[in-house]
Amino acid sequence: MAVPNFQSFFVPLLEFAADREEHSIGEARKALAHSMELTEDDLAELLPSGTQTRFDNRVAWAKSYLVQAKALASPRRGRFRITDRGLDLLAQGHTRIDISVLNQFEEFREFKSSGTRATPEPNTEERDSTPEEALQEAYQSIRDDLSGEILTQIKSNSPEFFERLVVDLMLALGYGGSRPDAGRSVGRSGDGGIDGVIDEDRLGLDVIYLQAKRWDGNVGRPEIQKFVGALQGNRARKGVFITTGRFSPQAYSYIEKIDPKIVLIDGRRLAELMIDYKVGVACSASYSVMRMDLDYFEEDQ
């Protein structure tokens, strides 16, 4: 089964803590994963940021909401236990406890209405994602839209522009030294299928040969074979083939079995690299997700 939404962890967390003992969030995660029969694949699923698993994030937010509702308490750092209110909730026999149930408590309503939000949060009772997940999913959606816009714009520009873009990206990735040094190697479209040559490092101890194709469809194995032939004709050991389209499965299978070393960058990865290394994009807005610094609040006993 997939990881349930974070509100689905409210009841299991309260049931886990019903022994009135202090527990750590790590203990709770282990017990909940077992009781909910989650698979290793379920537990390994990452958030869009790739920095935390979806399971860990949802359990942590569920605990946080229950603490705000005073159903759980944090008597000391990194520990929690159930309160009388939490035991009363369990005794009421709810098959499911969600945000609509927690809204009966004034402390929780104050928590939800605090801050600078001008209007109520929509559909909170039916929301599957944690606030952190919602933010990351919105970011990924914006990023996906931007990737599509980038590829559309590249295809409307000239082949010469695309070759310059490829060199700019390689420079941003740390190859080639300076822009003037890298620029001298562009424009070899008639040189046996080589569109450019760029230094692998600032000292020029090795070089990387480039092929750049503005295609809409799949680049197949025959095109890769031509590029490999051009590399071998230049006694080259490394090459990067970049396209605005896609590569066929046969193309990927072919490069795994050959020498020289070939890296394939399709349109989606090209756009993602341009965003990550700020080539052809500019920052529109920046948001920092803060967390509480528990060390700051630590007092000497």
C-alpha atoms as a PDB file:
ATOM      1  CA  MET A   1       0.000   0.000   0.000  1.00  0.00           C
ATOM      2  CA  ALA A   2       1.066   3.618  -0.468  1.00  0.00           C
ATOM      3  CA  VAL A   3       1.947   5.804   2.509  1.00  0.00           C
ATOM      4  CA  PRO A   4      -1.379   7.124   3.933  1.00  0.00           C
ATOM      5  CA  ASN A   5      -1.990  10.857   4.182  1.00  0.00           C
ATOM      6  CA  PHE A   6      -0.695  12.464   7.358  1.00  0.00           C
ATOM      7  CA  GLN A   7      -4.133  12.730   9.000  1.00  0.00           C
ATOM      8  CA  SER A   8      -4.415   8.943   8.821  1.00  0.00           C
ATOM      9  CA  PHE A   9      -1.572   8.740  11.349  1.00  0.00           C
ATOM     10  CA  PHE A  10      -3.503  10.587  14.087  1.00  0.00           C
ATOM     11  CA  VAL A  11      -5.295   7.504  15.469  1.00  0.00           C
ATOM     12  CA  PRO A  12      -2.330   5.103  15.172  1.00  0.00           C
ATOM     13  CA  LEU A  13      -0.071   7.615  16.948  1.00  0.00           C
ATOM     14  CA  LEU A  14      -2.521   8.030  19.823  1.00  0.00           C
ATOM     15  CA  GLU A  15      -2.964   4.256  20.065  1.00  0.00           C
ATOM     16  CA  PHE A  16       0.792   3.777  20.123  1.00  0.00           C
ATOM     17  CA  ALA A  17       1.135   6.311  22.953  1.00  0.00           C
ATOM     18  CA  ALA A  18      -1.860   5.002  24.915  1.00  0.00           C
ATOM     19  CA  ASP A  19       0.457   3.220  27.386  1.00  0.00           C
ATOM     20  CA  ARG A  20       1.171   6.704  28.891  1.00  0.00           C
ATOM     21  CA  GLU A  21       4.916   6.129  28.544  1.00  0.00           C
ATOM     22  CA  GLU A  22       7.332   8.595  26.945  1.00  0.00           C
ATOM     23  CA  HIS A  23       8.327   7.662  23.404  1.00  0.00           C
ATOM     24  CA  SER A  24      10.605   8.981  20.659  1.00  0.00           C
ATOM     25  CA  ILE A  25       9.427   9.719  17.136  1.00  0.00           C
ATOM     26  CA  GLY A  26      11.795   6.999  15.929  1.00  0.00           C
ATOM     27  CA  GLU A  27      10.042   4.407  18.080  1.00  0.00           C
ATOM     28  CA  ALA A  28       6.694   5.594  16.768  1.00  0.00           C
ATOM     29  CA  ARG A  29       7.771   5.358  13.132  1.00  0.00           C
ATOM     30  CA  LYS A  30       8.997   1.806  13.591  1.00  0.00           C
ATOM     31  CA  ALA A  31       5.775   0.709  15.300  1.00  0.00           C
ATOM     32  CA  LEU A  32       3.508   2.465  12.792  1.00  0.00           C
ATOM     33  CA  ALA A  33       5.344   1.063   9.788  1.00  0.00           C
ATOM     34  CA  HIS A  34       4.838  -2.431  11.209  1.00  0.00           C
ATOM     35  CA  SER A  35       1.179  -2.006  12.234  1.00  0.00           C
ATOM     36  CA  MET A  36       0.235  -0.437   8.885  1.00  0.00           C
ATOM     37  CA  GLU A  37       2.127  -3.149   6.976  1.00  0.00           C
ATOM     38  CA  LEU A  38       4.092  -0.683   4.856  1.00  0.00           C
ATOM     39  CA  THR A  39       6.640  -2.171   2.478  1.00  0.00           C
ATOM     40  CA  GLU A  40      10.293  -1.211   2.122  1.00  0.00           C
ATOM     41  CA  ASP A  41       9.388   0.613  -1.097  1.00  0.00           C
ATOM     42  CA  ASP A  42       6.667   2.555   0.748  1.00  0.00           C
ATOM     43  CA  LEU A  43       9.096   3.583   3.482  1.00  0.00           C
ATOM     44  CA  ALA A  44      11.772   4.580   0.958  1.00  0.00           C
ATOM     45  CA  GLU A  45       9.556   6.943  -1.072  1.00  0.00           C
ATOM     46  CA  LEU A  46      11.098  10.420  -0.999  1.00  0.00           C
ATOM     47  CA  LEU A  47       9.578  13.874  -1.034  1.00  0.00           C
ATOM     48  CA  PRO A  48      10.152  15.909  -4.231  1.00  0.00           C
ATOM     49  CA  SER A  49      13.154  17.552  -2.552  1.00  0.00           C
ATOM     50  CA  GLY A  50      14.788  14.159  -2.024  1.00  0.00           C
ATOM     51  CA  THR A  51      15.859  15.158   1.489  1.00  0.00           C
ATOM     52  CA  GLN A  52      13.351  13.144   3.539  1.00  0.00           C
ATOM     53  CA  THR A  53      11.054  10.164   3.100  1.00  0.00           C
ATOM     54  CA  ARG A  54       7.353  10.819   2.723  1.00  0.00           C
ATOM     55  CA  PHE A  55       6.620   8.429   5.624  1.00  0.00           C
ATOM     56  CA  ASP A  56       8.961  10.184   8.069  1.00  0.00           C
ATOM     57  CA  ASN A  57       7.594  13.573   7.072  1.00  0.00           C
ATOM     58  CA  ARG A  58       3.957  12.576   7.517  1.00  0.00           C
ATOM     59  CA  VAL A  59       4.493  10.936  10.914  1.00  0.00           C
ATOM     60  CA  ALA A  60       6.368  14.028  12.138  1.00  0.00           C
ATOM     61  CA  TRP A  61       3.590  16.371  10.994  1.00  0.00           C
ATOM     62  CA  ALA A  62       0.920  14.133  12.524  1.00  0.00           C
ATOM     63  CA  LYS A  63       2.740  14.279  15.853  1.00  0.00           C
ATOM     64  CA  SER A  64       3.081  18.059  15.544  1.00  0.00           C
ATOM     65  CA  TYR A  65      -0.656  18.527  14.928  1.00  0.00           C
ATOM     66  CA  LEU A  66      -1.566  16.297  17.874  1.00  0.00           C
ATOM     67  CA  VAL A  67       0.789  18.281  20.105  1.00  0.00           C
ATOM     68  CA  GLN A  68      -0.886  21.529  18.992  1.00  0.00           C
ATOM     69  CA  ALA A  69      -4.269  19.986  19.821  1.00  0.00           C
ATOM     70  CA  LYS A  70      -2.909  19.038  23.281  1.00  0.00           C
ATOM     71  CA  ALA A  71      -3.637  15.366  22.581  1.00  0.00           C
ATOM     72  CA  LEU A  72       0.079  14.695  22.870  1.00  0.00           C
ATOM     73  CA  ALA A  73       2.630  16.514  25.012  1.00  0.00           C
ATOM     74  CA  SER A  74       6.396  16.931  24.646  1.00  0.00           C
ATOM     75  CA  PRO A  75       7.733  16.720  28.209  1.00  0.00           C
ATOM     76  CA  ARG A  76      11.320  16.985  27.039  1.00  0.00           C
ATOM     77  CA  ARG A  77      13.352  17.320  23.900  1.00  0.00           C
ATOM     78  CA  GLY A  78      12.781  14.549  21.347  1.00  0.00           C
ATOM     79  CA  ARG A  79      10.120  12.759  23.443  1.00  0.00           C
ATOM     80  CA  PHE A  80       6.328  12.732  23.576  1.00  0.00           C
ATOM     81  CA  ARG A  81       3.536  11.125  25.582  1.00  0.00           C
ATOM     82  CA  ILE A  82      -0.245  11.020  25.449  1.00  0.00           C
ATOM     83  CA  THR A  83      -2.364  13.444  27.509  1.00  0.00           C
ATOM     84  CA  ASP A  84      -5.740  12.969  29.156  1.00  0.00           C
ATOM     85  CA  ARG A  85      -7.267  14.726  26.151  1.00  0.00           C
ATOM     86  CA  GLY A  86      -5.619  12.223  23.832  1.00  0.00           C
ATOM     87  CA  LEU A  87      -6.959   9.320  25.901  1.00  0.00           C
ATOM     88  CA  ASP A  88     -10.445  10.885  25.827  1.00  0.00           C
ATOM     89  CA  LEU A  89     -10.260  11.112  22.024  1.00  0.00           C
ATOM     90  CA  LEU A  90      -9.448   7.415  21.814  1.00  0.00           C
ATOM     91  CA  ALA A  91     -12.238   6.583  24.268  1.00  0.00           C
ATOM     92  CA  GLN A  92     -14.749   8.364  22.027  1.00  0.00           C
ATOM     93  CA  GLY A  93     -14.330   5.537  19.526  1.00  0.00           C
ATOM     94  CA  HIS A  94     -13.441   7.563  16.444  1.00  0.00           C
ATOM     95  CA  THR A  95     -12.637   5.303  13.487  1.00  0.00           C
ATOM     96  CA  ARG A  96     -10.769   8.277  12.040  1.00  0.00           C
ATOM     97  CA  ILE A  97      -9.450  11.437  13.647  1.00  0.00           C
ATOM     98  CA  ASP A  98      -8.672  14.275  11.257  1.00  0.00           C
ATOM     99  CA  ILE A  99      -8.349  18.047  11.314  1.00  0.00           C
ATOM    100  CA  SER A 100     -12.124  18.493  11.562  1.00  0.00           C
ATOM    101  CA  VAL A 101     -12.082  16.509  14.828  1.00  0.00           C
ATOM    102  CA  LEU A 102      -9.126  18.458  16.220  1.00  0.00           C
ATOM    103  CA  ASN A 103     -10.892  21.738  15.426  1.00  0.00           C
ATOM    104  CA  GLN A 104     -13.090  21.199  18.496  1.00  0.00           C
ATOM    105  CA  PHE A 105     -10.150  22.300  20.635  1.00  0.00           C
ATOM    106  CA  GLU A 106      -9.530  26.017  21.053  1.00  0.00           C
ATOM    107  CA  GLU A 107      -5.749  25.608  21.196  1.00  0.00           C
ATOM    108  CA  PHE A 108      -5.754  23.876  17.833  1.00  0.00           C
ATOM    109  CA  ARG A 109      -8.014  26.481  16.240  1.00  0.00           C
ATOM    110  CA  GLU A 110      -5.662  29.199  17.459  1.00  0.00           C
ATOM    111  CA  PHE A 111      -2.714  27.300  16.022  1.00  0.00           C
ATOM    112  CA  LYS A 112      -4.417  27.014  12.621  1.00  0.00           C
ATOM    113  CA  SER A 113      -5.414  30.687  12.546  1.00  0.00           C
ATOM    114  CA  SER A 114      -2.084  32.057  13.764  1.00  0.00           C
ATOM    115  CA  GLY A 115       0.444  33.777  11.517  1.00  0.00           C
ATOM    116  CA  THR A 116      -0.121  36.214   8.681  1.00  0.00           C
ATOM    117  CA  ARG A 117      -2.473  34.149   6.514  1.00  0.00           C
ATOM    118  CA  ALA A 118      -5.207  36.540   5.424  1.00  0.00           C
ATOM    119  CA  THR A 119      -7.782  33.909   4.450  1.00  0.00           C
ATOM    120  CA  PRO A 120      -8.587  30.475   5.840  1.00  0.00           C
ATOM    121  CA  GLU A 121      -6.586  27.575   4.453  1.00  0.00           C
ATOM    122  CA  PRO A 122      -8.803  25.812   1.860  1.00  0.00           C
ATOM    123  CA  ASN A 123      -9.915  22.196   2.213  1.00  0.00           C
ATOM    124  CA  THR A 124      -7.703  21.482   5.235  1.00  0.00           C
ATOM    125  CA  GLU A 125      -9.954  18.637   6.373  1.00  0.00           C
ATOM    126  CA  GLU A 126      -9.523  16.781   3.067  1.00  0.00           C
ATOM    127  CA  ARG A 127      -5.892  17.617   2.424  1.00  0.00           C
ATOM    128  CA  ASP A 128      -3.631  14.606   1.895  1.00  0.00           C
ATOM    129  CA  SER A 129      -0.302  16.419   1.902  1.00  0.00           C
ATOM    130  CA  THR A 130       1.543  17.923   4.827  1.00  0.00           C
ATOM    131  CA  PRO A 131       2.272  21.665   4.572  1.00  0.00           C
ATOM    132  CA  GLU A 132       5.876  20.856   3.663  1.00  0.00           C
ATOM    133  CA  GLU A 133       4.772  18.402   0.966  1.00  0.00           C
ATOM    134  CA  ALA A 134       2.319  20.930  -0.469  1.00  0.00           C
ATOM    135  CA  LEU A 135       5.097  23.519  -0.735  1.00  0.00           C
ATOM    136  CA  GLN A 136       7.475  21.079  -2.420  1.00  0.00           C
ATOM    137  CA  GLU A 137       4.800  19.820  -4.808  1.00  0.00           C
ATOM    138  CA  ALA A 138       3.947  23.407  -5.795  1.00  0.00           C
ATOM    139  CA  TYR A 139       7.653  24.083  -6.379  1.00  0.00           C
ATOM    140  CA  GLN A 140       7.960  20.962  -8.537  1.00  0.00           C
ATOM    141  CA  SER A 141       4.917  21.980 -10.575  1.00  0.00           C
ATOM    142  CA  ILE A 142       6.437  25.422 -11.246  1.00  0.00           C
ATOM    143  CA  ARG A 143       9.732  23.764 -12.162  1.00  0.00           C
ATOM    144  CA  ASP A 144       8.024  21.353 -14.577  1.00  0.00           C
ATOM    145  CA  ASP A 145       6.206  24.219 -16.300  1.00  0.00           C
ATOM    146  CA  LEU A 146       9.456  26.158 -16.575  1.00  0.00           C
ATOM    147  CA  SER A 147      11.216  23.136 -18.110  1.00  0.00           C
ATOM    148  CA  GLY A 148       8.569  22.980 -20.821  1.00  0.00           C
ATOM    149  CA  GLU A 149       8.897  26.702 -21.535  1.00  0.00           C
ATOM    150  CA  ILE A 150      12.691  26.392 -21.779  1.00  0.00           C
ATOM    151  CA  LEU A 151      12.531  23.573 -24.325  1.00  0.00           C
ATOM    152  CA  THR A 152       9.931  25.403 -26.416  1.00  0.00           C
ATOM    153  CA  GLN A 153      12.127  28.511 -26.494  1.00  0.00           C
ATOM    154  CA  ILE A 154      15.269  26.541 -27.401  1.00  0.00           C
ATOM    155  CA  LYS A 155      13.498  24.933 -30.370  1.00  0.00           C
ATOM    156  CA  SER A 156      12.456  28.353 -31.657  1.00  0.00           C
ATOM    157  CA  ASN A 157      16.043  29.615 -31.661  1.00  0.00           C
ATOM    158  CA  SER A 158      18.746  28.858 -34.210  1.00  0.00           C
ATOM    159  CA  PRO A 159      21.049  25.811 -34.225  1.00  0.00           C
ATOM    160  CA  GLU A 160      23.976  28.166 -33.592  1.00  0.00           C
ATOM    161  CA  PHE A 161      22.263  29.462 -30.451  1.00  0.00           C
ATOM    162  CA  PHE A 162      21.767  25.892 -29.234  1.00  0.00           C
ATOM    163  CA  GLU A 163      25.465  25.131 -29.687  1.00  0.00           C
ATOM    164  CA  ARG A 164      26.372  28.235 -27.655  1.00  0.00           C
ATOM    165  CA  LEU A 165      23.844  27.223 -24.993  1.00  0.00           C
ATOM    166  CA  VAL A 166      25.463  23.798 -24.710  1.00  0.00           C
ATOM    167  CA  VAL A 167      28.867  25.391 -24.124  1.00  0.00           C
ATOM    168  CA  ASP A 168      27.384  27.793 -21.547  1.00  0.00           C
ATOM    169  CA  LEU A 169      25.873  24.826 -19.707  1.00  0.00           C
ATOM    170  CA  MET A 170      29.157  22.906 -19.738  1.00  0.00           C
ATOM    171  CA  LEU A 171      30.889  25.979 -18.305  1.00  0.00           C
ATOM    172  CA  ALA A 172      28.243  26.248 -15.580  1.00  0.00           C
ATOM    173  CA  LEU A 173      28.850  22.582 -14.765  1.00  0.00           C
ATOM    174  CA  GLY A 174      32.513  23.398 -14.164  1.00  0.00           C
ATOM    175  CA  TYR A 175      34.088  22.401 -17.473  1.00  0.00           C
ATOM    176  CA  GLY A 176      36.076  24.428 -19.957  1.00  0.00           C
ATOM    177  CA  GLY A 177      37.705  27.182 -17.917  1.00  0.00           C
ATOM    178  CA  SER A 178      36.686  30.578 -19.319  1.00  0.00           C
ATOM    179  CA  ARG A 179      33.993  31.460 -21.869  1.00  0.00           C
ATOM    180  CA  PRO A 180      36.486  32.740 -24.497  1.00  0.00           C
ATOM    181  CA  ASP A 181      38.561  29.552 -24.206  1.00  0.00           C
ATOM    182  CA  ALA A 182      35.485  27.352 -24.536  1.00  0.00           C
ATOM    183  CA  GLY A 183      34.014  29.401 -27.383  1.00  0.00           C
ATOM    184  CA  ARG A 184      36.943  28.755 -29.701  1.00  0.00           C
ATOM    185  CA  SER A 185      35.950  25.106 -30.055  1.00  0.00           C
ATOM    186  CA  VAL A 186      32.372  25.671 -31.245  1.00  0.00           C
ATOM    187  CA  GLY A 187      31.357  25.456 -34.871  1.00  0.00           C
ATOM    188  CA  ARG A 188      32.749  22.137 -36.025  1.00  0.00           C
ATOM    189  CA  SER A 189      29.460  20.842 -37.363  1.00  0.00           C
ATOM    190  CA  GLY A 190      31.224  19.541 -40.447  1.00  0.00           C
ATOM    191  CA  ASP A 191      33.974  17.815 -38.493  1.00  0.00           C
ATOM    192  CA  GLY A 192      32.745  14.225 -38.600  1.00  0.00           C
ATOM    193  CA  GLY A 193      29.675  14.773 -36.431  1.00  0.00           C
ATOM    194  CA  ILE A 194      31.402  16.861 -33.732  1.00  0.00           C
ATOM    195  CA  ASP A 195      29.652  20.121 -32.783  1.00  0.00           C
ATOM    196  CA  GLY A 196      32.159  21.252 -30.178  1.00  0.00           C
ATOM    197  CA  VAL A 197      35.162  20.408 -28.056  1.00  0.00           C
ATOM    198  CA  ILE A 198      35.573  21.674 -24.514  1.00  0.00           C
ATOM    199  CA  ASP A 199      38.308  21.234 -21.928  1.00  0.00           C
ATOM    200  CA  GLU A 200      37.392  18.882 -19.101  1.00  0.00           C
ATOM    201  CA  ASP A 201      39.322  21.050 -16.626  1.00  0.00           C
ATOM    202  CA  ARG A 202      40.898  24.477 -16.501  1.00  0.00           C
ATOM    203  CA  LEU A 203      44.339  23.091 -17.379  1.00  0.00           C
ATOM    204  CA  GLY A 204      43.074  21.300 -20.453  1.00  0.00           C
ATOM    205  CA  LEU A 205      44.457  17.933 -19.366  1.00  0.00           C
ATOM    206  CA  ASP A 206      41.608  16.185 -21.183  1.00  0.00           C
ATOM    207  CA  VAL A 207      38.825  17.211 -23.557  1.00  0.00           C
ATOM    208  CA  ILE A 208      35.160  16.368 -23.990  1.00  0.00           C
ATOM    209  CA  TYR A 209      33.581  16.220 -27.439  1.00  0.00           C
ATOM    210  CA  LEU A 210      30.045  17.555 -27.811  1.00  0.00           C
ATOM    211  CA  GLN A 211      27.126  16.774 -30.098  1.00  0.00           C
ATOM    212  CA  ALA A 212      24.052  19.028 -29.933  1.00  0.00           C
ATOM    213  CA  LYS A 213      20.848  18.222 -31.832  1.00  0.00           C
ATOM    214  CA  ARG A 214      17.550  20.090 -31.726  1.00  0.00           C
ATOM    215  CA  TRP A 215      15.199  17.179 -32.297  1.00  0.00           C
ATOM    216  CA  ASP A 216      11.554  16.664 -31.367  1.00  0.00           C
ATOM    217  CA  GLY A 217      11.501  12.868 -31.541  1.00  0.00           C
ATOM    218  CA  ASN A 218      13.761  10.045 -30.426  1.00  0.00           C
ATOM    219  CA  VAL A 219      17.484   9.961 -31.111  1.00  0.00           C
ATOM    220  CA  GLY A 220      18.212   6.312 -31.891  1.00  0.00           C
ATOM    221  CA  ARG A 221      21.233   4.079 -31.795  1.00  0.00           C
ATOM    222  CA  PRO A 222      22.395   4.927 -35.372  1.00  0.00           C
ATOM    223  CA  GLU A 223      22.948   8.585 -34.436  1.00  0.00           C
ATOM    224  CA  ILE A 224      24.890   7.587 -31.343  1.00  0.00           C
ATOM    225  CA  GLN A 225      26.990   5.194 -33.411  1.00  0.00           C
ATOM    226  CA  LYS A 226      27.911   8.042 -35.774  1.00  0.00           C
ATOM    227  CA  PHE A 227      28.971  10.152 -32.797  1.00  0.00           C
ATOM    228  CA  VAL A 228      31.065   7.287 -31.414  1.00  0.00           C
ATOM    229  CA  GLY A 229      32.719   6.903 -34.813  1.00  0.00           C
ATOM    230  CA  ALA A 230      33.577  10.605 -34.805  1.00  0.00           C
ATOM    231  CA  LEU A 231      35.077  10.276 -31.332  1.00  0.00           C
ATOM    232  CA  GLN A 232      37.184   7.319 -32.343  1.00  0.00           C
ATOM    233  CA  GLY A 233      38.355   9.210 -35.431  1.00  0.00           C
ATOM    234  CA  ASN A 234      39.651  11.917 -33.090  1.00  0.00           C
ATOM    235  CA  ARG A 235      41.071   9.420 -30.593  1.00  0.00           C
ATOM    236  CA  ALA A 236      38.692  10.895 -28.024  1.00  0.00           C
ATOM    237  CA  ARG A 237      37.681   9.079 -24.853  1.00  0.00           C
ATOM    238  CA  LYS A 238      34.712  11.132 -23.660  1.00  0.00           C
ATOM    239  CA  GLY A 239      31.639  12.611 -25.283  1.00  0.00           C
ATOM    240  CA  VAL A 240      28.363  14.295 -24.366  1.00  0.00           C
ATOM    241  CA  PHE A 241      25.356  14.025 -26.695  1.00  0.00           C
ATOM    242  CA  ILE A 242      22.654  16.606 -25.938  1.00  0.00           C
ATOM    243  CA  THR A 243      19.252  16.773 -27.594  1.00  0.00           C
ATOM    244  CA  THR A 244      16.013  18.671 -27.065  1.00  0.00           C
ATOM    245  CA  GLY A 245      14.174  15.411 -27.784  1.00  0.00           C
ATOM    246  CA  ARG A 246      14.552  11.964 -26.231  1.00  0.00           C
ATOM    247  CA  PHE A 247      16.830   8.959 -26.597  1.00  0.00           C
ATOM    248  CA  SER A 248      15.536   5.542 -27.524  1.00  0.00           C
ATOM    249  CA  PRO A 249      16.029   2.573 -25.163  1.00  0.00           C
ATOM    250  CA  GLN A 250      18.410   1.121 -27.755  1.00  0.00           C
ATOM    251  CA  ALA A 251      20.570   4.236 -27.541  1.00  0.00           C
ATOM    252  CA  TYR A 252      20.875   3.921 -23.747  1.00  0.00           C
ATOM    253  CA  SER A 253      21.595   0.205 -24.013  1.00  0.00           C
ATOM    254  CA  TYR A 254      24.297   0.805 -26.628  1.00  0.00           C
ATOM    255  CA  ILE A 255      26.352   3.311 -24.588  1.00  0.00           C
ATOM    256  CA  GLU A 256      26.530   0.906 -21.644  1.00  0.00           C
ATOM    257  CA  LYS A 257      28.595  -1.540 -23.689  1.00  0.00           C
ATOM    258  CA  ILE A 258      31.101   0.688 -25.435  1.00  0.00           C
ATOM    259  CA  ASP A 259      34.274   2.610 -24.909  1.00  0.00           C
ATOM    260  CA  PRO A 260      34.595   5.702 -25.143  1.00  0.00           C
ATOM    261  CA  LYS A 261      32.432   6.988 -22.318  1.00  0.00           C
ATOM    262  CA  ILE A 262      29.263   8.680 -23.605  1.00  0.00           C
ATOM    263  CA  VAL A 263      26.778  10.727 -21.552  1.00  0.00           C
ATOM    264  CA  LEU A 264      23.300  11.272 -23.003  1.00  0.00           C
ATOM    265  CA  ILE A 265      21.334  14.367 -21.970  1.00  0.00           C
ATOM    266  CA  ASP A 266      17.753  14.495 -23.231  1.00  0.00           C
ATOM    267  CA  GLY A 267      15.489  17.525 -23.343  1.00  0.00           C
ATOM    268  CA  ARG A 268      14.035  17.072 -19.865  1.00  0.00           C
ATOM    269  CA  ARG A 269      17.419  16.664 -18.229  1.00  0.00           C
ATOM    270  CA  LEU A 270      18.807  19.570 -20.249  1.00  0.00           C
ATOM    271  CA  ALA A 271      16.085  21.880 -18.929  1.00  0.00           C
ATOM    272  CA  GLU A 272      16.584  20.633 -15.357  1.00  0.00           C
ATOM    273  CA  LEU A 273      20.322  21.251 -15.543  1.00  0.00           C
ATOM    274  CA  MET A 274      19.724  24.751 -16.911  1.00  0.00           C
ATOM    275  CA  ILE A 275      17.442  25.493 -13.950  1.00  0.00           C
ATOM    276  CA  ASP A 276      19.806  23.962 -11.385  1.00  0.00           C
ATOM    277  CA  TYR A 277      22.850  25.817 -12.730  1.00  0.00           C
ATOM    278  CA  LYS A 278      20.968  29.031 -13.624  1.00  0.00           C
ATOM    279  CA  VAL A 279      21.603  29.042 -17.358  1.00  0.00           C
ATOM    280  CA  GLY A 280      18.975  31.092 -19.208  1.00  0.00           C
ATOM    281  CA  VAL A 281      16.824  31.517 -16.091  1.00  0.00           C
ATOM    282  CA  ALA A 282      16.493  34.175 -13.404  1.00  0.00           C
ATOM    283  CA  CYS A 283      15.196  33.955  -9.850  1.00  0.00           C
ATOM    284  CA  SER A 284      11.614  35.257  -9.579  1.00  0.00           C
ATOM    285  CA  ALA A 285      11.144  34.720  -5.835  1.00  0.00           C
ATOM    286  CA  SER A 286      12.885  32.909  -3.008  1.00  0.00           C
ATOM    287  CA  TYR A 287      11.358  31.308   0.089  1.00  0.00           C
ATOM    288  CA  SER A 288      13.154  29.938   3.144  1.00  0.00           C
ATOM    289  CA  VAL A 289      11.548  27.100   5.097  1.00  0.00           C
ATOM    290  CA  MET A 290      12.612  27.616   8.685  1.00  0.00           C
ATOM    291  CA  ARG A 291      12.683  25.144  11.542  1.00  0.00           C
ATOM    292  CA  MET A 292      12.939  25.825  15.247  1.00  0.00           C
ATOM    293  CA  ASP A 293      16.478  25.818  16.654  1.00  0.00           C
ATOM    294  CA  LEU A 294      15.996  23.670  19.741  1.00  0.00           C
ATOM    295  CA  ASP A 295      19.534  24.407  20.955  1.00  0.00           C
ATOM    296  CA  TYR A 296      18.603  28.082  21.281  1.00  0.00           C
ATOM    297  CA  PHE A 297      15.800  27.255  23.717  1.00  0.00           C
ATOM    298  CA  GLU A 298      17.923  24.840  25.787  1.00  0.00           C
ATOM    299  CA  GLU A 299      18.436  26.184  29.311  1.00  0.00           C
ATOM    300  CA  ASP A 300      21.082  25.126  31.756  1.00  0.00           C
ATOM    301  CA  GLN A 301      19.566  22.992  34.476  1.00  0.00           C
END
